[in-house]
Every structure is written in C-alpha cells, then in structure tokens.
Protein backbone atom coordinates (compact mmCIF):
# COMPACT_ATOMS: atom_id res chain seq x y z
CA ASN A 1 172.94 253.98 68.91
CA CYS A 2 170.41 256.04 70.83
CA VAL A 3 171.51 259.16 68.93
CA PHE A 4 171.27 257.30 65.63
CA ARG A 5 167.74 256.05 66.44
CA SER A 6 166.68 259.56 67.46
CA LEU A 7 167.97 261.02 64.19
CA ASN A 8 166.16 258.36 62.18
CA LYS A 9 162.96 259.08 64.06
CA MET A 10 163.31 262.83 63.45
CA ASN A 11 163.98 262.24 59.75
CA PHE A 12 160.90 260.05 59.49
CA ILE A 13 158.69 262.66 61.16
CA THR A 14 160.11 265.38 58.88
CA ARG A 15 159.42 263.31 55.75
CA LEU A 16 155.91 262.47 56.96
CA SER A 17 155.11 266.13 57.65
CA ALA A 18 156.40 267.18 54.24
CA SER A 19 154.30 264.48 52.57
CA CYS A 20 151.15 265.62 54.37
CA LEU A 21 151.87 269.22 53.44
CA ARG A 22 152.28 268.32 49.76
CA LYS A 23 149.06 266.31 49.83
CA SER A 24 147.19 269.22 51.43
CA LYS A 25 148.47 271.63 48.79
CA MET A 26 147.49 269.24 46.00
CA GLN A 27 143.95 269.00 47.40
CA GLN A 28 143.74 272.78 47.65
CA ARG A 29 144.89 273.17 44.05
CA HIS A 30 142.31 270.63 42.94
CA GLN A 31 139.54 272.41 44.84
CA SER A 32 140.55 275.81 43.54
CA SER A 33 139.57 274.75 40.02
CA ARG A 34 135.93 274.44 41.07
CA ARG A 35 133.66 277.15 42.35
CA PRO A 36 132.07 276.83 45.81
CA ALA A 37 128.49 275.61 45.78
CA VAL A 38 126.92 278.89 46.83
CA PRO A 39 123.55 280.19 45.58
CA LEU A 40 123.46 282.29 42.44
CA GLY A 41 124.12 285.97 43.22
CA SER A 42 126.25 285.41 46.32
CA ARG A 43 129.53 286.52 44.74
CA ILE A 44 129.56 289.86 42.92
CA LEU A 45 132.75 291.44 41.54
CA THR A 46 132.80 295.09 42.69
CA ASP A 47 136.55 295.63 42.66
CA PRO A 48 138.19 294.59 39.33
CA SER A 49 141.59 294.40 41.02
CA LYS A 50 140.33 291.38 43.03
CA VAL A 51 139.19 289.43 39.99
CA PHE A 52 141.63 286.55 40.61
CA GLU A 53 140.73 286.04 44.29
CA HIS A 54 137.98 283.57 43.37
CA ASN A 55 137.31 281.15 40.53
CA MET A 56 133.85 282.43 39.67
CA TRP A 57 131.85 285.68 39.83
CA ASP A 58 128.06 286.01 39.49
CA HIS A 59 125.85 288.23 37.30
CA MET A 60 128.63 289.65 35.15
CA GLN A 61 127.49 292.55 32.98
CA TRP A 62 129.08 292.47 29.56
CA SER A 63 130.22 295.69 27.95
CA GLN A 64 128.92 296.47 24.48
CA GLU A 65 132.39 295.76 23.13
CA GLU A 66 132.49 292.31 24.78
CA GLU A 67 129.03 291.51 23.41
CA GLU A 68 130.03 292.55 19.89
CA ASN A 69 133.29 290.57 20.09
CA ALA A 70 131.35 287.47 21.14
CA LYS A 71 128.92 287.88 18.24
CA GLU A 72 131.79 288.32 15.79
CA LYS A 73 133.57 285.24 17.13
CA ALA A 74 130.40 283.11 16.90
CA ALA A 75 129.76 284.39 13.37
CA GLU A 76 133.35 283.64 12.36
CA ASN A 77 133.36 280.04 13.59
CA SER A 78 129.98 279.46 11.89
CA LEU A 79 131.18 280.36 8.40
CA VAL A 80 132.22 276.81 7.53
CA LYS A 81 129.48 274.29 8.36
CA VAL A 82 129.64 270.53 8.56
CA GLN A 83 128.25 268.93 5.41
CA TRP A 84 124.61 267.80 5.71
CA GLU A 85 125.46 264.14 5.14
CA ASP A 86 127.87 264.23 8.09
CA GLN A 87 125.31 265.63 10.54
CA ASP A 88 123.44 262.71 11.17
CA ARG A 89 123.51 266.63 32.01
CA ASN A 90 124.50 269.51 47.48
CA TRP A 91 124.57 272.41 44.63
CA LEU A 92 121.55 270.80 43.06
CA PHE A 93 119.28 271.42 46.04
CA LEU A 94 120.49 275.00 46.49
CA GLU A 95 119.43 276.13 43.01
CA PHE A 96 116.61 273.62 42.51
CA PRO A 97 115.03 272.99 45.93
CA GLU A 98 111.78 272.14 44.10
CA ILE A 99 113.23 268.68 43.45
CA LEU A 100 112.14 267.65 46.93
CA PRO A 101 108.77 267.62 48.67
CA GLU A 102 108.13 270.81 50.63
CA LYS A 103 108.50 269.18 54.05
CA ARG A 104 111.86 267.64 53.15
CA ARG A 105 112.91 271.00 51.66
CA GLU A 106 112.36 272.70 55.00
CA GLU A 107 114.32 270.00 56.83
CA LEU A 108 117.28 270.52 54.50
CA LYS A 109 117.14 274.29 54.98
CA THR A 110 117.36 273.81 58.74
CA GLY A 111 120.33 271.48 58.29
CA GLU A 112 122.07 273.94 55.97
CA ARG A 113 121.82 276.74 58.50
CA SER A 114 123.59 274.59 61.10
CA SER A 115 126.35 273.52 58.72
CA GLU A 116 126.93 276.58 56.53
CA HIS A 117 130.69 276.03 56.47
CA THR A 118 130.20 272.62 54.81
CA LYS A 119 128.26 274.19 51.98
CA ILE A 120 130.83 276.93 51.40
CA ASN A 121 133.75 274.49 51.30
CA SER A 122 132.02 272.12 48.88
CA THR A 123 133.93 271.37 45.68
CA ASN A 124 130.76 270.54 43.78
CA SER A 125 130.69 272.66 40.60
CA PHE A 126 127.60 272.84 38.43
CA SER A 127 129.44 273.35 35.18
CA HIS A 128 131.72 270.37 35.85
CA LYS A 129 129.17 268.15 37.55
CA TYR A 130 126.33 268.50 35.10
CA GLU A 131 128.19 268.83 31.85
CA MET A 132 128.90 265.32 30.66
CA SER A 133 131.02 263.17 32.95
CA GLU A 134 133.83 261.11 31.45
CA GLU A 135 131.77 257.92 31.70
CA GLY A 136 128.54 259.49 30.49
CA GLU A 137 130.16 261.31 27.58
CA LYS A 138 131.64 258.07 26.32
CA TYR A 139 128.14 256.66 25.87
CA TRP A 140 126.68 259.86 24.39
CA LYS A 141 129.19 260.06 21.54
CA LYS A 142 126.94 258.07 19.22
CA ASN A 143 123.83 260.14 20.01
CA ASP A 144 122.84 262.03 16.88
CA GLY A 145 119.91 263.71 18.59
CA GLY A 146 117.37 261.34 17.09
CA GLY A 147 118.75 257.87 16.52
CA SER A 148 116.84 254.75 17.45
CA THR A 149 117.14 253.17 20.88
CA SER A 150 117.57 249.46 21.40
CA VAL A 151 113.99 248.55 22.25
CA GLN A 152 115.06 245.07 23.33
CA GLU A 153 116.82 246.68 26.31
CA TYR A 154 113.84 248.84 27.26
CA VAL A 155 112.73 247.76 30.73
CA TYR A 156 108.98 247.87 30.16
CA ASN A 157 106.35 245.34 29.21
CA LYS A 158 105.38 246.00 25.57
CA LYS A 159 101.82 244.82 26.04
CA GLN A 160 101.27 247.24 28.91
CA ALA A 161 102.90 250.01 26.86
CA LYS A 162 100.48 249.33 23.99
CA SER A 163 97.53 249.50 26.39
CA LEU A 164 98.67 252.92 27.55
CA THR A 165 99.10 254.36 24.05
CA ASP A 166 96.13 252.71 22.30
CA ASN A 167 93.50 253.17 25.02
CA PRO A 168 90.42 254.65 23.27
CA GLN A 169 88.83 255.95 26.46
CA GLY A 170 90.33 259.44 26.11
CA LYS A 171 90.03 261.39 29.36
CA LYS A 172 88.78 258.26 31.15
CA CYS A 173 92.16 256.64 30.58
CA GLY A 174 92.88 256.82 34.29
CA GLU A 175 90.07 254.38 35.08
CA LYS A 176 91.63 251.71 32.88
CA LEU A 177 95.13 252.43 34.15
CA GLY A 178 93.94 251.58 37.64
CA ARG A 179 93.24 248.04 36.46
CA LEU A 180 96.65 247.57 34.81
CA GLU A 181 99.59 245.88 36.43
CA SER A 182 101.33 248.33 38.78
CA PHE A 183 104.34 250.20 37.45
CA PRO A 184 107.59 251.13 39.24
CA GLY A 185 106.86 253.85 41.78
CA SER A 186 103.06 253.40 41.55
CA ASP A 187 102.73 253.56 45.34
CA ALA A 188 104.75 256.79 45.64
CA THR A 189 103.17 260.15 46.36
CA TYR A 190 106.02 262.32 45.02
CA ARG A 191 107.80 261.37 41.79
CA ILE A 192 110.87 262.82 40.07
CA LEU A 193 112.32 262.13 36.61
CA GLU A 194 115.86 262.99 35.56
CA VAL A 195 116.25 263.00 31.77
CA GLY A 196 119.72 262.13 30.49
CA CYS A 197 121.08 260.74 33.75
CA GLY A 198 124.39 259.61 32.22
CA ALA A 199 126.49 257.68 34.73
CA GLY A 200 124.47 259.07 37.66
CA ASN A 201 126.19 262.32 38.64
CA SER A 202 122.97 263.77 40.00
CA VAL A 203 121.05 260.52 40.56
CA PHE A 204 122.93 259.53 43.69
CA PRO A 205 122.93 262.91 45.45
CA ILE A 206 119.15 262.88 44.98
CA LEU A 207 118.83 259.26 46.14
CA LYS A 208 120.88 260.07 49.24
CA VAL A 209 118.10 262.44 50.28
CA LEU A 210 115.17 260.38 48.98
CA CYS A 211 116.11 257.29 50.95
CA ASN A 212 115.12 259.24 54.09
CA THR A 213 111.94 260.66 52.54
CA PRO A 214 109.00 258.20 52.57
CA GLY A 215 106.65 258.27 49.59
CA THR A 216 109.18 259.60 47.08
CA PHE A 217 110.44 257.87 43.94
CA LEU A 218 113.07 258.75 41.34
CA TYR A 219 112.98 257.76 37.68
CA CYS A 220 116.10 258.31 35.59
CA CYS A 221 116.68 257.57 31.94
CA ASP A 222 119.39 257.85 29.32
CA PHE A 223 119.76 257.21 25.61
CA ALA A 224 122.74 254.89 26.24
CA SER A 225 122.16 251.45 27.72
CA GLY A 226 125.74 251.37 29.02
CA ALA A 227 125.17 254.52 31.07
CA VAL A 228 121.98 253.08 32.56
CA GLU A 229 123.81 249.88 33.48
CA LEU A 230 126.43 251.95 35.32
CA VAL A 231 123.68 253.56 37.37
CA LYS A 232 121.98 250.25 38.15
CA SER A 233 125.26 248.61 39.16
CA HIS A 234 126.10 251.38 41.65
CA SER A 235 126.06 250.35 45.32
CA SER A 236 123.57 253.13 46.17
CA TYR A 237 121.02 252.07 43.56
CA ASN A 238 117.88 250.55 45.03
CA SER A 239 114.77 249.65 43.01
CA ALA A 240 112.64 250.39 46.08
CA TRP A 241 112.93 254.12 45.39
CA CYS A 242 114.56 254.37 41.95
CA SER A 243 113.96 253.06 38.43
CA ALA A 244 116.66 253.56 35.78
CA PHE A 245 115.70 252.77 32.19
CA VAL A 246 116.88 253.25 28.62
CA HIS A 247 114.93 255.84 26.68
CA ASP A 248 115.33 257.96 23.55
CA VAL A 249 113.47 261.21 24.28
CA CYS A 250 113.28 261.93 20.55
CA ASP A 251 111.30 258.76 19.82
CA ASP A 252 107.62 259.40 20.56
CA ALA A 253 106.74 255.84 19.59
CA VAL A 254 108.39 254.44 22.73
CA PRO A 255 106.39 255.20 25.90
CA TYR A 256 107.75 255.86 29.36
CA PRO A 257 107.39 253.09 31.98
CA PHE A 258 104.65 255.04 33.77
CA PRO A 259 101.46 256.89 32.73
CA ASP A 260 101.21 260.58 31.89
CA GLU A 261 100.52 263.32 34.44
CA ILE A 262 102.07 261.64 37.47
CA LEU A 263 105.40 263.47 37.83
CA ASP A 264 105.98 266.25 40.35
CA VAL A 265 109.40 267.23 38.97
CA ILE A 266 111.37 266.76 35.76
CA LEU A 267 115.09 267.57 35.80
CA LEU A 268 116.42 268.52 32.35
CA VAL A 269 120.05 269.59 32.75
CA PHE A 270 122.58 269.90 29.90
CA VAL A 271 120.50 267.48 27.81
CA LEU A 272 118.31 269.53 25.47
CA SER A 273 121.40 271.16 23.93
CA THR A 274 122.54 267.76 22.61
CA ILE A 275 119.37 267.36 20.53
CA HIS A 276 118.92 268.71 17.02
CA PRO A 277 117.07 272.08 17.16
CA ASP A 278 114.32 270.73 14.86
CA ARG A 279 113.42 268.08 17.45
CA MET A 280 113.64 270.11 20.65
CA GLN A 281 110.01 271.29 20.70
CA GLY A 282 108.69 267.75 20.32
CA VAL A 283 110.84 266.59 23.24
CA VAL A 284 109.62 269.42 25.48
CA ASN A 285 105.98 268.80 24.49
CA ARG A 286 106.25 265.12 25.44
CA LEU A 287 107.91 265.85 28.77
CA ALA A 288 105.22 268.40 29.63
CA LYS A 289 102.59 265.66 29.30
CA LEU A 290 104.32 263.65 32.02
CA LEU A 291 103.90 266.41 34.62
CA LYS A 292 100.88 266.45 36.89
CA PRO A 293 99.08 269.82 37.21
CA GLY A 294 101.31 271.97 39.39
CA GLY A 295 104.38 269.88 38.48
CA MET A 296 107.68 271.62 37.77
CA LEU A 297 110.25 271.26 34.98
CA LEU A 298 113.73 272.39 36.05
CA PHE A 299 116.07 273.37 33.21
CA ARG A 300 119.74 274.30 32.95
CA ASP A 301 121.85 274.45 29.78
CA TYR A 302 124.36 276.41 27.70
CA GLY A 303 123.65 280.08 26.95
CA ARG A 304 124.44 282.01 23.79
CA TYR A 305 128.11 283.10 23.48
CA ASP A 306 129.34 280.97 26.35
CA THR A 307 133.11 280.42 26.29
CA ALA A 308 132.49 276.89 25.04
CA GLN A 309 130.80 278.31 21.92
CA LEU A 310 133.51 280.87 21.21
CA ARG A 311 136.25 278.23 21.42
CA PHE A 312 134.94 276.23 18.48
CA LYS A 313 137.11 276.37 15.37
CA LYS A 314 135.84 276.74 11.84
CA GLY A 315 134.31 273.59 10.40
CA HIS A 316 132.51 272.50 13.60
CA CYS A 317 129.26 274.43 13.08
CA LEU A 318 126.29 272.25 12.09
CA SER A 319 123.76 275.09 11.90
CA GLU A 320 123.26 278.44 13.58
CA ASN A 321 124.51 278.17 17.21
CA PHE A 322 124.64 274.35 16.90
CA TYR A 323 128.08 272.67 16.88
CA VAL A 324 129.75 269.27 16.85
CA ARG A 325 132.67 268.53 19.15
CA GLY A 326 135.74 266.57 18.14
CA ASP A 327 134.38 263.44 19.85
CA GLY A 328 131.11 263.59 17.91
CA THR A 329 128.88 264.95 20.67
CA ARG A 330 126.81 267.99 19.76
CA VAL A 331 125.79 271.14 21.57
CA TYR A 332 123.38 274.03 21.05
CA PHE A 333 123.64 277.45 22.74
CA PHE A 334 120.30 278.92 23.85
CA THR A 335 118.89 282.40 24.43
CA LYS A 336 116.42 283.06 27.22
CA ASP A 337 113.68 283.88 24.71
CA GLU A 338 114.17 280.59 22.86
CA VAL A 339 113.77 278.65 26.10
CA TRP A 340 110.65 280.61 27.08
CA ASN A 341 109.06 280.05 23.68
CA MET A 342 109.64 276.28 23.77
CA PHE A 343 108.19 275.72 27.22
CA ASN A 344 105.35 278.18 26.67
CA LEU A 345 104.30 276.33 23.50
CA ALA A 346 104.29 273.12 25.58
CA GLY A 347 101.70 274.69 27.89
CA LEU A 348 104.02 275.47 30.82
CA THR A 349 104.19 278.78 32.66
CA GLU A 350 107.37 280.59 33.69
CA VAL A 351 108.45 280.54 37.32
CA GLN A 352 112.08 281.45 36.62
CA ASN A 353 113.94 282.10 33.38
CA LEU A 354 117.30 283.84 33.62
CA VAL A 355 120.67 284.19 31.96
CA ASP A 356 123.38 283.13 34.39
CA ARG A 357 126.52 285.02 33.39
CA ARG A 358 129.63 284.15 35.38
CA LEU A 359 133.26 285.09 35.15
CA GLN A 360 135.34 281.96 35.64
CA VAL A 361 139.05 282.46 36.19
CA ASN A 362 142.13 280.28 36.24
CA ARG A 363 144.24 281.93 38.92
CA LYS A 364 147.35 279.97 38.04
CA LYS A 365 147.27 280.81 34.33
CA LYS A 366 145.63 284.23 34.87
CA VAL A 367 142.96 283.34 32.31
CA LYS A 368 139.41 284.74 32.41
CA MET A 369 136.44 282.92 30.85
CA GLN A 370 132.95 284.32 30.31
CA ARG A 371 130.51 281.52 31.12
CA VAL A 372 126.87 281.83 30.09
CA TRP A 373 124.11 279.42 31.13
CA ILE A 374 120.33 279.51 31.03
CA GLN A 375 118.55 278.50 34.23
CA SER A 376 114.78 278.10 34.17
CA LYS A 377 111.81 276.72 36.08
CA PHE A 378 108.49 276.13 34.32
CA GLN A 379 105.29 274.84 35.88
CA LYS A 380 102.27 272.99 34.54
CA PRO A 381 99.15 275.04 35.34
CA LEU A 382 96.71 273.73 37.92
CA LEU A 383 93.42 272.53 36.42
CA LEU A 384 90.15 273.91 37.79
CA SER A 385 87.24 271.50 38.11
CA LEU A 386 84.15 272.67 36.18
CA SER A 387 81.80 271.07 38.71
CA ASN A 388 83.60 272.55 41.69
CA PRO A 389 85.73 275.67 40.94
CA GLU A 390 87.27 275.49 44.41
CA GLU A 391 89.02 272.23 43.51
CA THR A 392 92.53 273.05 42.32
CA THR A 393 93.20 269.87 40.34
CA GLU A 394 91.29 267.13 38.56
CA ARG A 395 91.17 263.74 40.18
CA HIS A 396 93.88 261.35 39.03
CA PRO A 397 94.31 257.66 39.99
CA TYR A 398 98.00 258.07 40.82
CA ARG A 399 98.00 261.40 42.72
C-alpha cells in the first residue's frame, strides 16, 4: 500500500509538472506574437540571417524594388472600386510621454529605470492594442465616416451647449463661460481627450496613472454609444477624473461637453483613417480649436503601402488609398506629407512627423510583413500678449 501511494503521488507530481510546462509554453507562444513595448529605434536589423529572432524590427529601409512592388500591388487592388451608392484607435507613455503633466512624466521615467525588465517583457503591442479591439470594432461597423449620432444619448445639457455656440461676445466668450454651470473636469488643471476611445483599450492605462496625479482629467469619446457604455461600466471608470461621452467628430453642429481651448493633450490614434478623406480636414480643424495654446495633438495611424493595404483584394477600394473591409469598417493609408498638410492647415506646428516602418515576422510560419505607420506630434502655438510681449499665453478662465 505504501508503494502504491508513493507511485500515485509521483504520477500526480509528474502530471502537474507537465501541465505547468504546457501552460508556460502556451503563454510564451502567445507573447511571441506581439512585439515588446520598447521605444521606436531600439531594435535595428543589421544581420539579415537573424531576421526571425524577433517579431518586429525598427526603421526598415525598403529597396527600390520593394517600393515599386508595393505601388504596383496598391494600384492593382484599386482598379475595381466600390460603387458610389455603396460607400455611404505602458507602450503609450513610452512613445507619447506628453500625455502626462511634466512632473508625472519625470516620476514615471524614474520608475521605468528601476523596472526596465518589466518594460521589456511587456506584451503590449501598439498595432494590436490601438487598432480596433474586438468589442470596439463591433460598434464601429456602422460608422460611415459621417453619419449622425444619437443626440438623445449625448451627455450634455443642450441649453448650455447652445450658449457656448451662440455666444455673440466673440473673444470675450470666456467671461460668459465663467458664469455658466460648471462642466466635467472644470476644476482640473491638466486635461486630456482621447478621440475614438472604443471599448477603452487606452482609457484605462491612462486612468491608472491619472488616479495618482491630482489636477488631471481625462475626456474620452466615441461615435458608438455601446462602446461608451462599455467604458462607463468598467470597474476602473470614475467620474471624478474621467468623462466618457458619445460624439460624432464629423458633426460640427454637436458641441463637446467643455469649452474650446482648454485641452492640454488630444490623443488621435487609428481614428482619422476611418473617416472619409473629404471630411478629415474639418475634423482636424475642430480638434485644433479644443487645444489651449501650447497644447499637443498626438497622432498615430496607417501609413501608405502598409501590409494591411496590400492585402486588400480587388473590389474593396472606395477611392485612392481608401478601402472598405469585409465587415464594413473603412480605412485610409496616409503619407507623412498628407498628415503635415492637414495639421498645418489647422494652425498646428510640427514637433514630430515620421514614417514608422517595421518588419513584423511570424517565426512559426516564417512569414515577413512590412508594417508602415505614421507617428506625429503637433502643437498649438503659444499666443503672445500685445500688451505684454513677455506673457507667453493669453488669459483664459479655465487655465
């Protein structure tokens, strides 16, 4: 009996060890499909024979042949266009530290230096995290880049909204705003807006930091009411430092739930590409008005000839470099010059505007993918006071 019990015990331990080993391997396989959250430019391919040692390589230089092949592929899948009648989103802070107030930024840098291994082992991937999540994409399927939003669900008092838009006082608007009922985040000193928040993939990483940063407030909006409800129902959502609301960025008639020129940061990630090209400039112009002088707009989206563009089959092209997916969502592929022109016309100045070319590989299938994204930072110029040139900004009731 003792021998029998010992054998059973040994068998149990063996099975348990094997199970843990299988689980560990499964986790490693899952993590291997996502690139480490390291800053852009940290991983350069110098030895082509080592191409499959990592999932992603930075700053890939395309050969002339590769560039021509990409152009030919894009031209080929654009030959057949969708008929006109049928045409009708811990890495975050590494690439965009400007999201946070400067003091909090420095605190995070200090923390990162003491926990570098955590950052390197992170499975957070920009391309997976900020392209549409499964929940968010479900709600974006009906977005035609300019449809109407359900105003009944818009969480803002219509009378106050009318006061903001119809105020005849011009530049003295701020004096009247001070007498209006306070708006969400009116007491904050540092305000952030994420446009196209979806189900909250970036909202909650930001909130995790903001909850320990007094004076900060996060606004987040989405075209889909269902996506906003998912954010508001999340256990980490707190109206004390966050306001989620439904908003169609293409509809200028519907105001935001706060006055213009109060935002320090706007996050616009994998959103502009879903909007019809004819409406993009209007969206950027409106967002620029929300920034306070010195405020920053942080942008990331698809670049021209990204693998996602080259994979489209004939019959999915709506217009030049603008496509519709099988689920009805749409996507545009930008050039760096196009992005610069849009934000420059909106009165913003370039801080960063680059083409992020990466080689993404599937080590198991031995497949290589050329990924192309545009990453940009544009700032609203500081305003000089005519009465006192040494003043860097005009007075504002909510700054």
